[in-house]
PDB file of N, CA and C in Angstrom:
ATOM      1  N   UNK A   1     112.742  78.563  95.134  1.00  0.00           N
ATOM      2  CA  UNK A   1     112.190  79.432  95.758  1.00  0.00           C
ATOM      3  C   UNK A   1     111.140  79.970  95.451  1.00  0.00           C
ATOM      4  N   UNK A   2     109.661  79.692  95.987  1.00  0.00           N
ATOM      5  CA  UNK A   2     108.876  80.562  95.342  1.00  0.00           C
ATOM      6  C   UNK A   2     108.715  82.135  95.608  1.00  0.00           C
ATOM      7  N   UNK A   3     108.125  82.794  94.859  1.00  0.00           N
ATOM      8  CA  UNK A   3     108.188  84.393  95.170  1.00  0.00           C
ATOM      9  C   UNK A   3     107.141  84.605  96.447  1.00  0.00           C
ATOM     10  N   UNK A   4     107.681  85.513  97.283  1.00  0.00           N
ATOM     11  CA  UNK A   4     107.274  85.884  98.482  1.00  0.00           C
ATOM     12  C   UNK A   4     105.832  86.711  98.273  1.00  0.00           C
ATOM     13  N   UNK A   5     104.243  86.528  98.468  1.00  0.00           N
ATOM     14  CA  UNK A   5     103.540  87.232  98.384  1.00  0.00           C
ATOM     15  C   UNK A   5     103.818  88.775  99.042  1.00  0.00           C
ATOM     16  N   UNK A   6     103.098  89.836  98.565  1.00  0.00           N
ATOM     17  CA  UNK A   6     103.670  91.055  98.842  1.00  0.00           C
ATOM     18  C   UNK A   6     102.348  91.741  98.825  1.00  0.00           C
ATOM     19  N   UNK A   7     101.980  92.241 100.433  1.00  0.00           N
ATOM     20  CA  UNK A   7     100.762  92.742 100.617  1.00  0.00           C
ATOM     21  C   UNK A   7     101.260  94.448 100.980  1.00  0.00           C
ATOM     22  N   UNK A   8     100.506  95.345 100.188  1.00  0.00           N
ATOM     23  CA  UNK A   8     100.616  96.881 100.129  1.00  0.00           C
ATOM     24  C   UNK A   8      99.459  97.559 100.599  1.00  0.00           C
ATOM     25  N   UNK A   9      99.567  98.604 101.190  1.00  0.00           N
ATOM     26  CA  UNK A   9      98.429  99.466 101.417  1.00  0.00           C
ATOM     27  C   UNK A   9      98.910 100.930 100.932  1.00  0.00           C
ATOM     28  N   UNK A  10      98.134 101.379 100.274  1.00  0.00           N
ATOM     29  CA  UNK A  10      98.374 102.918  99.454  1.00  0.00           C
ATOM     30  C   UNK A  10      97.366 103.733 100.121  1.00  0.00           C
ATOM     31  N   UNK A  11      97.823 104.848 100.432  1.00  0.00           N
ATOM     32  CA  UNK A  11      97.106 105.869 101.142  1.00  0.00           C
ATOM     33  C   UNK A  11      97.264 107.079 100.172  1.00  0.00           C
ATOM     34  N   UNK A  12      95.754 107.175  99.936  1.00  0.00           N
ATOM     35  CA  UNK A  12      95.893 108.838  98.995  1.00  0.00           C
ATOM     36  C   UNK A  12      94.992 109.844  99.573  1.00  0.00           C
ATOM     37  N   UNK A  13      95.148 110.861 100.007  1.00  0.00           N
ATOM     38  CA  UNK A  13      94.570 112.437 100.221  1.00  0.00           C
ATOM     39  C   UNK A  13      94.109 113.264  99.099  1.00  0.00           C
ATOM     40  N   UNK A  14      92.746 113.213  98.816  1.00  0.00           N
ATOM     41  CA  UNK A  14      92.660 114.094  97.692  1.00  0.00           C
ATOM     42  C   UNK A  14      92.483 115.832  98.299  1.00  0.00           C
ATOM     43  N   UNK A  15      92.561 116.343  97.400  1.00  0.00           N
ATOM     44  CA  UNK A  15      92.321 117.765  97.446  1.00  0.00           C
ATOM     45  C   UNK A  15      91.224 118.097  98.098  1.00  0.00           C
ATOM     46  N   UNK A  16      90.930 119.267  98.831  1.00  0.00           N
ATOM     47  CA  UNK A  16      89.656 119.515  99.476  1.00  0.00           C
ATOM     48  C   UNK A  16      88.660 119.817  97.958  1.00  0.00           C
ATOM     49  N   UNK A  17      87.366 119.085  97.979  1.00  0.00           N
ATOM     50  CA  UNK A  17      86.474 119.508  96.827  1.00  0.00           C
ATOM     51  C   UNK A  17      86.770 118.346  95.586  1.00  0.00           C
ATOM     52  N   UNK A  18      87.931 117.580  95.790  1.00  0.00           N
ATOM     53  CA  UNK A  18      87.965 116.838  94.541  1.00  0.00           C
ATOM     54  C   UNK A  18      87.522 115.383  95.088  1.00  0.00           C
ATOM     55  N   UNK A  19      87.051 115.128  96.074  1.00  0.00           N
ATOM     56  CA  UNK A  19      86.993 113.665  96.403  1.00  0.00           C
ATOM     57  C   UNK A  19      86.208 112.674  95.421  1.00  0.00           C
ATOM     58  N   UNK A  20      84.952 113.494  94.736  1.00  0.00           N
ATOM     59  CA  UNK A  20      84.431 112.609  93.782  1.00  0.00           C
ATOM     60  C   UNK A  20      85.387 112.366  92.793  1.00  0.00           C
ATOM     61  N   UNK A  21      85.965 113.260  92.232  1.00  0.00           N
ATOM     62  CA  UNK A  21      87.245 112.985  90.935  1.00  0.00           C
ATOM     63  C   UNK A  21      88.190 111.993  91.583  1.00  0.00           C
ATOM     64  N   UNK A  22      88.565 112.193  92.701  1.00  0.00           N
ATOM     65  CA  UNK A  22      89.422 111.202  93.191  1.00  0.00           C
ATOM     66  C   UNK A  22      89.102 109.946  92.970  1.00  0.00           C
ATOM     67  N   UNK A  23      87.588 109.738  93.958  1.00  0.00           N
ATOM     68  CA  UNK A  23      87.104 108.307  94.130  1.00  0.00           C
ATOM     69  C   UNK A  23      86.786 107.588  92.561  1.00  0.00           C
ATOM     70  N   UNK A  24      86.438 108.438  91.690  1.00  0.00           N
ATOM     71  CA  UNK A  24      86.289 107.917  90.108  1.00  0.00           C
ATOM     72  C   UNK A  24      87.531 107.546  89.152  1.00  0.00           C
ATOM     73  N   UNK A  25      88.584 108.280  89.790  1.00  0.00           N
ATOM     74  CA  UNK A  25      90.055 108.000  89.256  1.00  0.00           C
ATOM     75  C   UNK A  25      90.370 106.623  89.688  1.00  0.00           C
ATOM     76  N   UNK A  26      90.361 106.482  90.951  1.00  0.00           N
ATOM     77  CA  UNK A  26      91.018 105.464  91.884  1.00  0.00           C
ATOM     78  C   UNK A  26      89.676 104.210  91.384  1.00  0.00           C
ATOM     79  N   UNK A  27      88.775 104.548  91.561  1.00  0.00           N
ATOM     80  CA  UNK A  27      87.643 103.577  91.135  1.00  0.00           C
ATOM     81  C   UNK A  27      88.001 102.969  89.585  1.00  0.00           C
ATOM     82  N   UNK A  28      88.479 103.455  88.874  1.00  0.00           N
ATOM     83  CA  UNK A  28      88.575 103.014  87.513  1.00  0.00           C
ATOM     84  C   UNK A  28      89.682 102.093  87.508  1.00  0.00           C
ATOM     85  N   UNK A  29      90.621 102.094  88.363  1.00  0.00           N
ATOM     86  CA  UNK A  29      91.992 101.306  88.306  1.00  0.00           C
ATOM     87  C   UNK A  29      91.252  99.703  88.850  1.00  0.00           C
ATOM     88  N   UNK A  30      90.548  99.564  89.573  1.00  0.00           N
ATOM     89  CA  UNK A  30      89.995  98.288  90.190  1.00  0.00           C
ATOM     90  C   UNK A  30      89.507  97.163  88.966  1.00  0.00           C
ATOM     91  N   UNK A  31      88.958  97.457  87.863  1.00  0.00           N
ATOM     92  CA  UNK A  31      88.879  96.290  87.087  1.00  0.00           C
ATOM     93  C   UNK A  31      89.947  95.836  86.180  1.00  0.00           C
ATOM     94  N   UNK A  32      90.818  96.842  85.441  1.00  0.00           N
ATOM     95  CA  UNK A  32      92.116  96.747  84.751  1.00  0.00           C
ATOM     96  C   UNK A  32      93.023  95.842  85.841  1.00  0.00           C
ATOM     97  N   UNK A  33      93.187  96.285  86.803  1.00  0.00           N
ATOM     98  CA  UNK A  33      94.180  95.874  88.010  1.00  0.00           C
ATOM     99  C   UNK A  33      93.876  94.420  88.108  1.00  0.00           C
ATOM    100  N   UNK A  34      92.663  93.967  88.768  1.00  0.00           N
ATOM    101  CA  UNK A  34      91.811  92.527  89.181  1.00  0.00           C
ATOM    102  C   UNK A  34      92.381  91.456  87.940  1.00  0.00           C
ATOM    103  N   UNK A  35      92.522  92.216  86.885  1.00  0.00           N
ATOM    104  CA  UNK A  35      92.728  91.389  85.738  1.00  0.00           C
ATOM    105  C   UNK A  35      94.072  90.678  85.447  1.00  0.00           C
ATOM    106  N   UNK A  36      95.032  91.854  85.931  1.00  0.00           N
ATOM    107  CA  UNK A  36      96.487  91.208  85.911  1.00  0.00           C
ATOM    108  C   UNK A  36      96.731  89.939  86.453  1.00  0.00           C
ATOM    109  N   UNK A  37      97.720  89.272  85.746  1.00  0.00           N
ATOM    110  CA  UNK A  37      98.251  87.920  86.202  1.00  0.00           C
ATOM    111  C   UNK A  37      98.715  88.182  87.605  1.00  0.00           C
ATOM    112  N   UNK A  38      99.340  88.873  88.139  1.00  0.00           N
ATOM    113  CA  UNK A  38     100.090  88.923  89.521  1.00  0.00           C
ATOM    114  C   UNK A  38      99.007  89.474  90.713  1.00  0.00           C
ATOM    115  N   UNK A  39      97.873  89.376  90.620  1.00  0.00           N
ATOM    116  CA  UNK A  39      96.870  90.117  91.145  1.00  0.00           C
ATOM    117  C   UNK A  39      96.249  89.566  92.146  1.00  0.00           C
ATOM    118  N   UNK A  40      96.629  89.498  93.394  1.00  0.00           N
ATOM    119  CA  UNK A  40      95.493  88.474  94.183  1.00  0.00           C
ATOM    120  C   UNK A  40      94.404  89.234  94.644  1.00  0.00           C
ATOM    121  N   UNK A  41      94.449  90.100  95.475  1.00  0.00           N
ATOM    122  CA  UNK A  41      93.481  91.088  95.754  1.00  0.00           C
ATOM    123  C   UNK A  41      93.897  92.512  95.893  1.00  0.00           C
ATOM    124  N   UNK A  42      92.551  93.614  95.289  1.00  0.00           N
ATOM    125  CA  UNK A  42      93.123  94.961  94.877  1.00  0.00           C
ATOM    126  C   UNK A  42      91.802  95.479  95.417  1.00  0.00           C
ATOM    127  N   UNK A  43      91.590  95.988  96.705  1.00  0.00           N
ATOM    128  CA  UNK A  43      90.377  96.774  97.059  1.00  0.00           C
ATOM    129  C   UNK A  43      90.824  98.265  97.384  1.00  0.00           C
ATOM    130  N   UNK A  44      89.445  98.811  96.922  1.00  0.00           N
ATOM    131  CA  UNK A  44      89.582 100.473  97.652  1.00  0.00           C
ATOM    132  C   UNK A  44      88.745 100.694  98.627  1.00  0.00           C
ATOM    133  N   UNK A  45      89.068 101.666  99.636  1.00  0.00           N
ATOM    134  CA  UNK A  45      88.392 102.121 100.566  1.00  0.00           C
ATOM    135  C   UNK A  45      88.228 103.344 100.774  1.00  0.00           C
ATOM    136  N   UNK A  46      87.317 103.970 101.305  1.00  0.00           N
ATOM    137  CA  UNK A  46      87.094 105.464 101.812  1.00  0.00           C
ATOM    138  C   UNK A  46      87.153 105.702 103.102  1.00  0.00           C
ATOM    139  N   UNK A  47      87.738 106.441 104.042  1.00  0.00           N
ATOM    140  CA  UNK A  47      87.864 106.528 105.255  1.00  0.00           C
ATOM    141  C   UNK A  47      86.708 107.255 105.658  1.00  0.00           C
ATOM    142  N   UNK A  48      85.750 106.655 106.600  1.00  0.00           N
ATOM    143  CA  UNK A  48      84.562 107.109 107.138  1.00  0.00           C
ATOM    144  C   UNK A  48      84.425 108.379 108.136  1.00  0.00           C
ATOM    145  N   UNK A  49      86.142 108.610 108.781  1.00  0.00           N
ATOM    146  CA  UNK A  49      86.045 109.738 109.309  1.00  0.00           C
ATOM    147  C   UNK A  49      86.560 111.153 108.501  1.00  0.00           C
ATOM    148  N   UNK A  50      87.164 110.775 107.349  1.00  0.00           N
ATOM    149  CA  UNK A  50      87.559 111.759 106.437  1.00  0.00           C
ATOM    150  C   UNK A  50      87.707 111.527 104.885  1.00  0.00           C
ATOM    151  N   UNK A  51      86.294 111.933 104.450  1.00  0.00           N
ATOM    152  CA  UNK A  51      85.870 111.207 102.689  1.00  0.00           C
ATOM    153  C   UNK A  51      87.073 111.785 101.888  1.00  0.00           C
ATOM    154  N   UNK A  52      88.245 112.424 102.247  1.00  0.00           N
ATOM    155  CA  UNK A  52      89.359 112.550 101.575  1.00  0.00           C
ATOM    156  C   UNK A  52      90.226 111.640 101.631  1.00  0.00           C
ATOM    157  N   UNK A  53      90.471 110.694 102.398  1.00  0.00           N
ATOM    158  CA  UNK A  53      91.115 109.933 102.472  1.00  0.00           C
ATOM    159  C   UNK A  53      91.037 108.390 101.836  1.00  0.00           C
ATOM    160  N   UNK A  54      91.793 107.770 100.916  1.00  0.00           N
ATOM    161  CA  UNK A  54      91.228 106.606 100.138  1.00  0.00           C
ATOM    162  C   UNK A  54      92.114 105.466 100.392  1.00  0.00           C
ATOM    163  N   UNK A  55      92.245 104.369 100.613  1.00  0.00           N
ATOM    164  CA  UNK A  55      92.997 103.391 100.896  1.00  0.00           C
ATOM    165  C   UNK A  55      93.110 102.023  99.626  1.00  0.00           C
ATOM    166  N   UNK A  56      94.033 101.937  99.172  1.00  0.00           N
ATOM    167  CA  UNK A  56      93.936 100.301  98.560  1.00  0.00           C
ATOM    168  C   UNK A  56      94.995  99.496  99.488  1.00  0.00           C
ATOM    169  N   UNK A  57      93.997  98.103  99.637  1.00  0.00           N
ATOM    170  CA  UNK A  57      94.582  97.543 100.055  1.00  0.00           C
ATOM    171  C   UNK A  57      94.584  96.218  98.934  1.00  0.00           C
ATOM    172  N   UNK A  58      96.321  95.708  98.927  1.00  0.00           N
ATOM    173  CA  UNK A  58      96.336  94.815  97.886  1.00  0.00           C
ATOM    174  C   UNK A  58      97.239  93.872  98.127  1.00  0.00           C
ATOM    175  N   UNK A  59      97.051  92.395  97.508  1.00  0.00           N
ATOM    176  CA  UNK A  59      97.825  91.515  97.610  1.00  0.00           C
ATOM    177  C   UNK A  59      98.367  91.290  96.490  1.00  0.00           C
ATOM    178  N   UNK A  60      99.749  90.907  96.056  1.00  0.00           N
ATOM    179  CA  UNK A  60     100.666  90.923  94.922  1.00  0.00           C
ATOM    180  C   UNK A  60     101.224  89.243  95.341  1.00  0.00           C
ATOM    181  N   UNK A  61     101.122  88.607  93.800  1.00  0.00           N
ATOM    182  CA  UNK A  61     101.851  87.410  93.937  1.00  0.00           C
ATOM    183  C   UNK A  61     103.460  87.419  94.273  1.00  0.00           C
ATOM    184  N   UNK A  62     103.985  88.535  93.755  1.00  0.00           N
ATOM    185  CA  UNK A  62     105.210  88.669  94.196  1.00  0.00           C
ATOM    186  C   UNK A  62     105.736  90.658  93.697  1.00  0.00           C
ATOM    187  N   UNK A  63     107.024  90.854  94.391  1.00  0.00           N
ATOM    188  CA  UNK A  63     107.305  92.342  93.891  1.00  0.00           C
ATOM    189  C   UNK A  63     107.378  92.521  92.735  1.00  0.00           C
ATOM    190  N   UNK A  64     107.688  91.414  91.743  1.00  0.00           N
ATOM    191  CA  UNK A  64     107.715  91.836  90.091  1.00  0.00           C
ATOM    192  C   UNK A  64     106.176  92.058  89.849  1.00  0.00           C
ATOM    193  N   UNK A  65     105.345  91.410  90.280  1.00  0.00           N
ATOM    194  CA  UNK A  65     103.811  91.485  89.969  1.00  0.00           C
ATOM    195  C   UNK A  65     103.610  93.005  90.069  1.00  0.00           C
ATOM    196  N   UNK A  66     103.944  93.279  91.208  1.00  0.00           N
ATOM    197  CA  UNK A  66     103.549  94.824  91.630  1.00  0.00           C
ATOM    198  C   UNK A  66     104.145  95.806  90.830  1.00  0.00           C
ATOM    199  N   UNK A  67     105.551  95.265  90.372  1.00  0.00           N
ATOM    200  CA  UNK A  67     106.487  96.619  89.349  1.00  0.00           C
ATOM    201  C   UNK A  67     105.759  96.431  88.215  1.00  0.00           C
ATOM    202  N   UNK A  68     105.488  95.140  87.753  1.00  0.00           N
ATOM    203  CA  UNK A  68     104.518  95.293  86.364  1.00  0.00           C
ATOM    204  C   UNK A  68     103.674  95.977  86.237  1.00  0.00           C
ATOM    205  N   UNK A  69     102.479  96.022  87.322  1.00  0.00           N
ATOM    206  CA  UNK A  69     101.331  96.857  87.639  1.00  0.00           C
ATOM    207  C   UNK A  69     101.814  98.269  87.794  1.00  0.00           C
ATOM    208  N   UNK A  70     102.881  98.700  88.219  1.00  0.00           N
ATOM    209  CA  UNK A  70     102.854 100.241  88.485  1.00  0.00           C
ATOM    210  C   UNK A  70     103.482 100.344  86.951  1.00  0.00           C
ATOM    211  N   UNK A  71     104.098  99.837  86.166  1.00  0.00           N
ATOM    212  CA  UNK A  71     104.264 100.102  84.689  1.00  0.00           C
ATOM    213  C   UNK A  71     102.952 100.325  83.872  1.00  0.00           C
ATOM    214  N   UNK A  72     101.955  99.643  84.200  1.00  0.00           N
ATOM    215  CA  UNK A  72     100.873  99.964  83.430  1.00  0.00           C
ATOM    216  C   UNK A  72     100.460 100.970  82.938  1.00  0.00           C
ATOM    217  N   UNK A  73      99.966 101.472  82.050  1.00  0.00           N
ATOM    218  CA  UNK A  73      99.589 102.743  81.278  1.00  0.00           C
ATOM    219  C   UNK A  73      98.522 103.419  82.185  1.00  0.00           C
ATOM    220  N   UNK A  74      97.616 102.719  82.751  1.00  0.00           N
ATOM    221  CA  UNK A  74      96.597 103.175  83.602  1.00  0.00           C
ATOM    222  C   UNK A  74      97.149 103.707  85.215  1.00  0.00           C
ATOM    223  N   UNK A  75      98.027 102.926  85.383  1.00  0.00           N
ATOM    224  CA  UNK A  75      98.827 103.601  86.668  1.00  0.00           C
ATOM    225  C   UNK A  75      99.759 104.965  86.336  1.00  0.00           C
ATOM    226  N   UNK A  76     100.454 104.705  85.362  1.00  0.00           N
ATOM    227  CA  UNK A  76     101.158 106.025  84.789  1.00  0.00           C
ATOM    228  C   UNK A  76     100.463 107.524  84.601  1.00  0.00           C
ATOM    229  N   UNK A  77      99.286 107.248  84.349  1.00  0.00           N
ATOM    230  CA  UNK A  77      98.151 108.110  84.177  1.00  0.00           C
ATOM    231  C   UNK A  77      98.013 108.934  85.626  1.00  0.00           C
ATOM    232  N   UNK A  78      97.648 107.921  86.470  1.00  0.00           N
ATOM    233  CA  UNK A  78      97.419 108.282  87.766  1.00  0.00           C
ATOM    234  C   UNK A  78      98.702 108.967  88.013  1.00  0.00           C
ATOM    235  N   UNK A  79      99.392 108.483  88.188  1.00  0.00           N
ATOM    236  CA  UNK A  79     100.970 109.035  88.491  1.00  0.00           C
ATOM    237  C   UNK A  79     101.355 110.568  88.210  1.00  0.00           C
ATOM    238  N   UNK A  80     100.896 110.670  86.832  1.00  0.00           N
ATOM    239  CA  UNK A  80     101.023 112.020  86.321  1.00  0.00           C
ATOM    240  C   UNK A  80      99.944 112.928  86.762  1.00  0.00           C
ATOM    241  N   UNK A  81      98.838 112.496  87.770  1.00  0.00           N
ATOM    242  CA  UNK A  81      97.884 113.497  87.975  1.00  0.00           C
ATOM    243  C   UNK A  81      98.194 113.849  89.798  1.00  0.00           C
ATOM    244  N   UNK A  82      99.063 112.928  90.081  1.00  0.00           N
ATOM    245  CA  UNK A  82      99.419 113.333  91.538  1.00  0.00           C
ATOM    246  C   UNK A  82      99.357 114.720  92.103  1.00  0.00           C
ATOM    247  N   UNK A  83      99.881 115.663  91.525  1.00  0.00           N
ATOM    248  CA  UNK A  83     100.012 116.882  92.178  1.00  0.00           C
ATOM    249  C   UNK A  83      98.703 117.525  91.613  1.00  0.00           C
ATOM    250  N   UNK A  84      98.000 117.310  90.794  1.00  0.00           N
ATOM    251  CA  UNK A  84      96.601 117.971  90.416  1.00  0.00           C
ATOM    252  C   UNK A  84      95.687 117.452  91.525  1.00  0.00           C
ATOM    253  N   UNK A  85      95.706 116.040  91.968  1.00  0.00           N
ATOM    254  CA  UNK A  85      94.505 115.417  92.349  1.00  0.00           C
ATOM    255  C   UNK A  85      94.652 115.417  94.022  1.00  0.00           C
ATOM    256  N   UNK A  86      96.101 115.197  94.648  1.00  0.00           N
ATOM    257  CA  UNK A  86      96.283 114.971  95.841  1.00  0.00           C
ATOM    258  C   UNK A  86      96.898 115.862  96.904  1.00  0.00           C
ATOM    259  N   UNK A  87      96.787 116.413  97.968  1.00  0.00           N
ATOM    260  CA  UNK A  87      97.114 117.189  99.055  1.00  0.00           C
ATOM    261  C   UNK A  87      98.757 117.142  99.278  1.00  0.00           C
ATOM    262  N   UNK A  88      98.876 115.456  99.314  1.00  0.00           N
ATOM    263  CA  UNK A  88     100.514 115.053  99.335  1.00  0.00           C
ATOM    264  C   UNK A  88     100.499 113.720  98.571  1.00  0.00           C
ATOM    265  N   UNK A  89     102.024 113.574  98.259  1.00  0.00           N
ATOM    266  CA  UNK A  89     101.944 112.252  97.445  1.00  0.00           C
ATOM    267  C   UNK A  89     101.376 111.086  98.366  1.00  0.00           C
ATOM    268  N   UNK A  90     101.091 110.238  97.438  1.00  0.00           N
ATOM    269  CA  UNK A  90     100.617 108.793  98.073  1.00  0.00           C
ATOM    270  C   UNK A  90     101.362 107.981  98.986  1.00  0.00           C
ATOM    271  N   UNK A  91     100.768 107.834 100.329  1.00  0.00           N
ATOM    272  CA  UNK A  91     101.801 106.984 101.121  1.00  0.00           C
ATOM    273  C   UNK A  91     101.708 105.709 100.996  1.00  0.00           C
ATOM    274  N   UNK A  92     102.983 104.751 100.484  1.00  0.00           N
ATOM    275  CA  UNK A  92     102.996 103.179 100.447  1.00  0.00           C
ATOM    276  C   UNK A  92     103.596 102.772 101.262  1.00  0.00           C
ATOM    277  N   UNK A  93     102.755 101.664 102.349  1.00  0.00           N
ATOM    278  CA  UNK A  93     103.351 100.543 102.917  1.00  0.00           C
ATOM    279  C   UNK A  93     103.177  99.137 102.479  1.00  0.00           C
ATOM    280  N   UNK A  94     104.342  98.431 102.873  1.00  0.00           N
ATOM    281  CA  UNK A  94     104.563  97.115 102.558  1.00  0.00           C
ATOM    282  C   UNK A  94     104.115  96.022 103.591  1.00  0.00           C
ATOM    283  N   UNK A  95     103.464  95.264 103.897  1.00  0.00           N
ATOM    284  CA  UNK A  95     103.222  94.205 104.781  1.00  0.00           C
ATOM    285  C   UNK A  95     103.883  93.116 105.466  1.00  0.00           C
ATOM    286  N   UNK A  96     104.115  92.498 106.209  1.00  0.00           N
ATOM    287  CA  UNK A  96     104.372  91.002 106.327  1.00  0.00           C
ATOM    288  C   UNK A  96     103.190  90.564 107.268  1.00  0.00           C
ATOM    289  N   UNK A  97     102.582  89.715 106.785  1.00  0.00           N
ATOM    290  CA  UNK A  97     101.269  89.178 107.624  1.00  0.00           C
ATOM    291  C   UNK A  97     101.859  88.298 108.554  1.00  0.00           C
ATOM    292  N   UNK A  98     101.447  88.697 109.412  1.00  0.00           N
ATOM    293  CA  UNK A  98     101.820  87.753 110.845  1.00  0.00           C
ATOM    294  C   UNK A  98     101.176  86.807 111.531  1.00  0.00           C
ATOM    295  N   UNK A  99     101.270  85.738 111.305  1.00  0.00           N
ATOM    296  CA  UNK A  99     100.548  84.335 111.829  1.00  0.00           C
ATOM    297  C   UNK A  99      99.875  83.923 113.210  1.00  0.00           C
TER     298      UNK A  99
END
């Protein structure tokens, strides 16, 4: 049985005044993540109505591919900065595509 494709929405809320720093930190994840074998799609968005809100839309080949991603040094570095950069911990949602 093939691994189930995993879709993720990860929402980050920057602390006031840190929007540009957060954008740079999150943008730095795009290139290395997109090169990961298990990554199908990895896009960063900023809310039009609230520039403090950033959202990743991600598609992974499997849960294992996502777990491998979360263990990468560049992700671990961001996790270490959560209290410094964000108002609240990131909100992670797993999605089922309805056809």
